[in-house]
Amino acid sequence: MSTICAIATAPGGAIGIIRVSGPKSLEIVSSIFNKDLTEVAPNTVHHGRISDLDEVLVSVFRAPHSYTGEDSVEISCHASSYILNKVEELLCHHGCRIAKPGEFTQRAYLNGKMDLSQAEAVADLIAASSAASHRIALNQLRGNISHRLGELRDKLLHLTSLMELELDFSEEDVEFADRSQLLALAEDTAAEISHLTATFSDGNALRNGVPVAIVGAPNVGKSTLLNALLRDDKAIVSPVSGTTRDLVEDTITLGGILFRFIDTAGLRHTNDTIE
């Protein structure tokens, strides 16, 4: 397994973080740091210098108690793009390679630190633009979906085992479970699966914005309403009927929920080919 590195922070801040993960992470960082990290205790922070570039803080995490489940190091330095790129360059010169997009989370998944639904939640949490989408992603990251799926799996296995026993001993007139209990268990499981499936569209809307179309006859104030909601002159407002031809949309957050308002063309009978 190779050792990877990547800048983990967005440009524009005062502090930048470079993450390193893999079997040689401690060894490689030690080669550019003024202290040997190979024997230090896990979950510790060390102050020092990287070459003549910068004074930094280095956080050490040892397998399996790290985000990726591997030996990992986080280098906190000043967020100059020059410093960050030079540190990355030094790490690659000593044996690292630049991580692919999402590779740290991929390694966490492959090393059993999270399941697939939690790995997907990481991307949703990063992209969250409202309180509602943040709450959904955080709950998924904490394993709420995984827990519910695990319970469903246990119910299905229990139902399957009872049915197999009934089939195996059907000719001997032996009952291992009451038929009404089997039916109730099957119906309960099916209802829970249906409910879980139905929540997908709701969750998707909360993540991407609840679509709200503004529909009506020409010149009733649809574009004016959109501009008032957005507090911006997003759509052209004119007394001429049929000004809005294409969909005009934008998003705003109301009560912690992202809404996607869509201004539409006025509904009327017309001989205008474009309308």
Protein backbone atom coordinates (compact mmCIF):
# COMPACT_ATOMS: atom_id res chain seq x y z
CA MET A 1 0.00 0.00 0.00
CA SER A 2 1.43 3.37 -1.01
CA THR A 3 1.67 6.40 1.27
CA ILE A 4 -0.45 9.34 0.09
CA CYS A 5 -0.59 13.04 0.85
CA ALA A 6 -2.90 15.94 0.00
CA ILE A 7 -3.74 19.48 1.03
CA ALA A 8 -6.89 19.16 3.14
CA THR A 9 -7.90 22.81 3.54
CA ALA A 10 -9.44 25.32 1.17
CA PRO A 11 -7.34 28.28 0.01
CA GLY A 12 -7.83 31.67 1.64
CA GLY A 13 -7.42 30.84 5.33
CA ALA A 14 -4.56 31.53 7.71
CA ILE A 15 -3.71 27.89 8.44
CA GLY A 16 -3.35 25.04 5.98
CA ILE A 17 -3.33 21.32 6.70
CA ILE A 18 -1.60 18.60 4.71
CA ARG A 19 -2.68 15.03 5.43
CA VAL A 20 -0.42 12.03 5.03
CA SER A 21 -1.58 8.42 5.33
CA GLY A 22 0.02 5.05 4.72
CA PRO A 23 2.59 2.61 6.07
CA LYS A 24 5.53 5.02 5.70
CA SER A 25 3.79 8.22 6.75
CA LEU A 26 5.75 8.66 10.01
CA GLU A 27 9.03 7.82 8.33
CA ILE A 28 8.47 10.19 5.39
CA VAL A 29 7.32 13.13 7.52
CA SER A 30 10.30 12.56 9.86
CA SER A 31 12.62 12.93 6.87
CA ILE A 32 11.46 16.54 6.29
CA PHE A 33 10.72 17.44 9.95
CA ASN A 34 13.37 18.36 12.51
CA LYS A 35 12.17 15.61 14.88
CA ASP A 36 11.92 11.83 14.60
CA LEU A 37 8.26 10.83 14.76
CA THR A 38 8.67 7.08 14.34
CA GLU A 39 8.74 6.40 18.09
CA VAL A 40 6.43 9.12 19.42
CA ALA A 41 3.18 8.29 21.19
CA PRO A 42 -0.04 8.23 19.14
CA ASN A 43 -2.52 11.11 19.29
CA THR A 44 0.18 13.66 20.08
CA VAL A 45 1.07 17.04 18.56
CA HIS A 46 4.67 18.16 17.95
CA HIS A 47 6.03 21.62 17.24
CA GLY A 48 8.99 22.03 14.93
CA ARG A 49 10.29 23.11 11.54
CA ILE A 50 10.09 21.72 8.04
CA SER A 51 13.37 22.57 6.34
CA ASP A 52 13.61 26.36 6.12
CA LEU A 53 10.01 26.66 4.96
CA ASP A 54 7.91 27.15 8.08
CA GLU A 55 7.32 26.37 11.74
CA VAL A 56 4.59 23.76 11.92
CA LEU A 57 2.50 21.58 14.21
CA VAL A 58 2.51 17.87 13.37
CA SER A 59 -0.28 15.61 14.67
CA VAL A 60 0.45 11.87 14.81
CA PHE A 61 -2.16 9.11 14.59
CA ARG A 62 -1.30 5.43 14.61
CA ALA A 63 -3.17 2.54 13.01
CA PRO A 64 -5.88 1.50 13.50
CA HIS A 65 -6.94 4.57 15.49
CA SER A 66 -6.95 7.12 12.68
CA TYR A 67 -9.45 8.32 10.10
CA THR A 68 -8.10 5.97 7.44
CA GLY A 69 -7.19 3.13 9.81
CA GLU A 70 -3.54 3.57 8.79
CA ASP A 71 -0.59 5.43 10.32
CA SER A 72 -1.42 9.06 9.57
CA VAL A 73 0.09 12.49 10.05
CA GLU A 74 -1.44 15.96 9.73
CA ILE A 75 0.90 18.91 9.15
CA SER A 76 -0.51 22.31 10.15
CA CYS A 77 1.37 25.22 8.61
CA HIS A 78 0.70 28.73 7.37
CA ALA A 79 -1.70 28.65 4.44
CA SER A 80 0.57 30.24 1.86
CA SER A 81 0.09 28.37 -1.41
CA TYR A 82 3.87 28.43 -1.81
CA ILE A 83 4.45 26.76 1.58
CA LEU A 84 1.71 24.16 1.08
CA ASN A 85 2.91 23.23 -2.39
CA LYS A 86 6.56 23.04 -1.31
CA VAL A 87 5.68 20.77 1.65
CA GLU A 88 3.71 18.55 -0.73
CA GLU A 89 6.65 18.54 -3.11
CA LEU A 90 9.04 17.50 -0.33
CA LEU A 91 6.71 14.70 0.79
CA CYS A 92 6.46 13.35 -2.76
CA HIS A 93 10.26 13.59 -3.16
CA HIS A 94 10.67 11.37 -0.07
CA GLY A 95 8.17 8.68 -1.13
CA CYS A 96 4.58 9.96 -1.01
CA ARG A 97 2.24 10.35 -3.94
CA ILE A 98 -0.60 12.83 -4.30
CA ALA A 99 -3.89 11.29 -3.16
CA LYS A 100 -6.68 10.85 -5.66
CA PRO A 101 -9.97 12.68 -4.95
CA GLY A 102 -11.70 10.94 -2.03
CA GLU A 103 -8.86 8.47 -1.49
CA PHE A 104 -8.54 9.11 2.26
CA THR A 105 -12.23 8.24 2.74
CA GLN A 106 -11.85 5.30 0.34
CA ARG A 107 -9.08 3.91 2.54
CA ALA A 108 -11.21 4.45 5.64
CA TYR A 109 -13.95 2.37 3.97
CA LEU A 110 -11.57 -0.36 2.79
CA ASN A 111 -10.00 -0.57 6.26
CA GLY A 112 -13.40 -1.00 7.93
CA LYS A 113 -13.48 2.41 9.63
CA MET A 114 -16.87 3.16 8.04
CA ASP A 115 -19.38 1.46 5.76
CA LEU A 116 -20.43 2.58 2.30
CA SER A 117 -23.34 4.75 3.45
CA GLN A 118 -21.07 6.58 5.90
CA ALA A 119 -18.44 7.09 3.19
CA GLU A 120 -21.10 8.64 0.95
CA ALA A 121 -22.18 10.84 3.87
CA VAL A 122 -18.70 12.40 4.04
CA ALA A 123 -19.19 13.96 0.60
CA ASP A 124 -22.72 15.09 1.53
CA LEU A 125 -21.43 16.67 4.76
CA ILE A 126 -18.74 18.60 2.88
CA ALA A 127 -21.29 19.79 0.30
CA ALA A 128 -24.03 20.63 2.84
CA SER A 129 -25.40 24.13 2.20
CA SER A 130 -28.25 24.22 4.73
CA ALA A 131 -29.03 23.09 8.26
CA ALA A 132 -31.35 20.35 6.95
CA SER A 133 -28.82 18.84 4.51
CA HIS A 134 -26.12 19.08 7.20
CA ARG A 135 -28.35 17.23 9.69
CA ILE A 136 -29.11 14.42 7.21
CA ALA A 137 -25.45 13.96 6.29
CA LEU A 138 -24.34 14.00 9.92
CA ASN A 139 -26.94 11.41 10.95
CA GLN A 140 -25.85 9.18 8.08
CA LEU A 141 -22.18 9.62 9.00
CA ARG A 142 -22.97 8.64 12.60
CA GLY A 143 -24.38 5.36 11.33
CA ASN A 144 -28.14 5.92 11.63
CA ILE A 145 -28.83 4.45 8.19
CA SER A 146 -26.35 1.62 8.77
CA HIS A 147 -28.06 0.76 12.06
CA ARG A 148 -31.50 0.63 10.44
CA LEU A 149 -30.20 -1.49 7.56
CA GLY A 150 -28.57 -3.84 10.08
CA GLU A 151 -31.87 -4.27 11.92
CA LEU A 152 -33.66 -4.99 8.62
CA ARG A 153 -31.03 -7.58 7.72
CA ASP A 154 -31.50 -9.33 11.08
CA LYS A 155 -35.28 -9.43 10.57
CA LEU A 156 -34.94 -10.84 7.06
CA LEU A 157 -32.48 -13.49 8.22
CA HIS A 158 -34.82 -14.48 11.06
CA LEU A 159 -37.77 -14.68 8.65
CA THR A 160 -35.74 -16.71 6.13
CA SER A 161 -34.52 -19.17 8.76
CA LEU A 162 -38.06 -19.81 10.02
CA MET A 163 -39.31 -20.38 6.48
CA GLU A 164 -36.46 -22.80 5.73
CA LEU A 165 -37.23 -24.78 8.88
CA GLU A 166 -40.88 -25.01 7.89
CA LEU A 167 -39.94 -26.23 4.41
CA ASP A 168 -37.42 -28.79 5.71
CA PHE A 169 -39.91 -30.36 8.11
CA SER A 170 -43.14 -29.73 6.20
CA GLU A 171 -43.73 -33.46 5.60
CA GLU A 172 -43.39 -34.23 9.31
CA ASP A 173 -46.21 -31.86 10.24
CA VAL A 174 -43.98 -29.81 12.57
CA GLU A 175 -44.55 -26.07 13.05
CA PHE A 176 -41.66 -23.91 14.25
CA ALA A 177 -43.52 -20.62 14.06
CA ASP A 178 -47.06 -19.40 14.12
CA ARG A 179 -48.22 -18.51 10.59
CA SER A 180 -49.72 -15.24 11.77
CA GLN A 181 -46.40 -14.27 13.39
CA LEU A 182 -44.53 -15.02 10.18
CA LEU A 183 -46.97 -12.90 8.19
CA ALA A 184 -46.75 -10.04 10.71
CA LEU A 185 -42.95 -10.16 10.60
CA ALA A 186 -42.94 -10.11 6.79
CA GLU A 187 -45.43 -7.22 6.62
CA ASP A 188 -43.54 -5.23 9.25
CA THR A 189 -40.25 -5.69 7.38
CA ALA A 190 -41.83 -4.78 4.03
CA ALA A 191 -43.37 -1.63 5.53
CA GLU A 192 -40.05 -0.54 7.00
CA ILE A 193 -38.26 -1.09 3.67
CA SER A 194 -40.96 0.92 1.87
CA HIS A 195 -40.62 3.75 4.38
CA LEU A 196 -36.83 3.77 4.04
CA THR A 197 -37.12 3.83 0.25
CA ALA A 198 -39.64 6.67 0.37
CA THR A 199 -37.30 8.85 2.43
CA PHE A 200 -34.75 8.85 -0.40
CA SER A 201 -36.61 11.43 -2.49
CA ASP A 202 -37.17 13.63 0.58
CA GLY A 203 -33.49 13.44 1.53
CA ASN A 204 -32.44 14.13 -2.06
CA ALA A 205 -34.65 17.23 -2.16
CA LEU A 206 -33.22 18.51 1.12
CA ARG A 207 -29.68 17.98 -0.15
CA ASN A 208 -30.17 19.59 -3.57
CA GLY A 209 -32.89 22.08 -2.67
CA VAL A 210 -36.66 21.61 -2.52
CA PRO A 211 -37.90 22.58 -6.03
CA VAL A 212 -40.70 25.16 -5.97
CA ALA A 213 -42.15 26.29 -9.32
CA ILE A 214 -43.80 29.71 -9.50
CA VAL A 215 -46.67 29.14 -11.93
CA GLY A 216 -49.44 31.39 -13.20
CA ALA A 217 -50.81 33.56 -15.99
CA PRO A 218 -48.64 36.23 -17.64
CA ASN A 219 -48.06 39.51 -15.76
CA VAL A 220 -49.38 38.35 -12.39
CA GLY A 221 -46.04 39.00 -10.65
CA LYS A 222 -44.19 35.67 -10.87
CA SER A 223 -40.83 37.26 -11.74
CA THR A 224 -41.42 40.02 -9.20
CA LEU A 225 -42.07 37.38 -6.53
CA LEU A 226 -38.88 35.52 -7.44
CA ASN A 227 -36.82 38.72 -7.22
CA ALA A 228 -38.43 39.61 -3.88
CA LEU A 229 -37.66 36.16 -2.44
CA LEU A 230 -34.06 36.28 -3.66
CA ARG A 231 -33.64 39.99 -2.86
CA ASP A 232 -31.97 40.32 -6.24
CA ASP A 233 -32.92 41.25 -9.80
CA LYS A 234 -32.59 37.68 -11.04
CA ALA A 235 -35.49 37.73 -13.52
CA ILE A 236 -36.47 40.47 -15.97
CA VAL A 237 -39.66 42.24 -14.92
CA SER A 238 -41.65 43.92 -17.71
CA PRO A 239 -45.28 44.89 -18.44
CA VAL A 240 -44.90 43.07 -21.75
CA SER A 241 -46.58 39.66 -21.60
CA GLY A 242 -44.32 36.69 -22.29
CA THR A 243 -41.09 38.31 -21.02
CA THR A 244 -40.05 35.09 -19.26
CA ARG A 245 -39.42 32.37 -21.84
CA ASP A 246 -36.85 30.11 -20.16
CA LEU A 247 -36.80 28.74 -16.63
CA VAL A 248 -35.09 31.19 -14.25
CA GLU A 249 -34.08 29.70 -10.90
CA ASP A 250 -31.98 30.27 -7.81
CA THR A 251 -31.74 28.94 -4.27
CA ILE A 252 -32.31 30.43 -0.83
CA THR A 253 -32.35 28.97 2.66
CA LEU A 254 -35.53 29.35 4.70
CA GLY A 255 -35.79 27.92 8.20
CA GLY A 256 -32.63 25.88 7.66
CA ILE A 257 -33.99 24.23 4.48
CA LEU A 258 -32.64 24.93 0.99
CA PHE A 259 -35.36 25.87 -1.52
CA ARG A 260 -34.90 26.07 -5.29
CA PHE A 261 -37.38 28.63 -6.65
CA ILE A 262 -38.12 28.40 -10.38
CA ASP A 263 -39.75 31.22 -12.34
CA THR A 264 -41.71 29.89 -15.32
CA ALA A 265 -43.27 31.35 -18.46
CA GLY A 266 -46.84 32.59 -18.09
CA LEU A 267 -49.55 30.09 -18.91
CA ARG A 268 -51.72 31.30 -21.81
CA HIS A 269 -52.86 30.45 -25.34
CA THR A 270 -50.62 32.24 -27.85
CA ASN A 271 -49.60 32.09 -31.48
CA ASP A 272 -46.03 33.10 -30.58
CA THR A 273 -43.85 30.23 -31.84
CA ILE A 274 -41.12 30.80 -29.23
CA GLU A 275 -43.57 30.76 -26.34
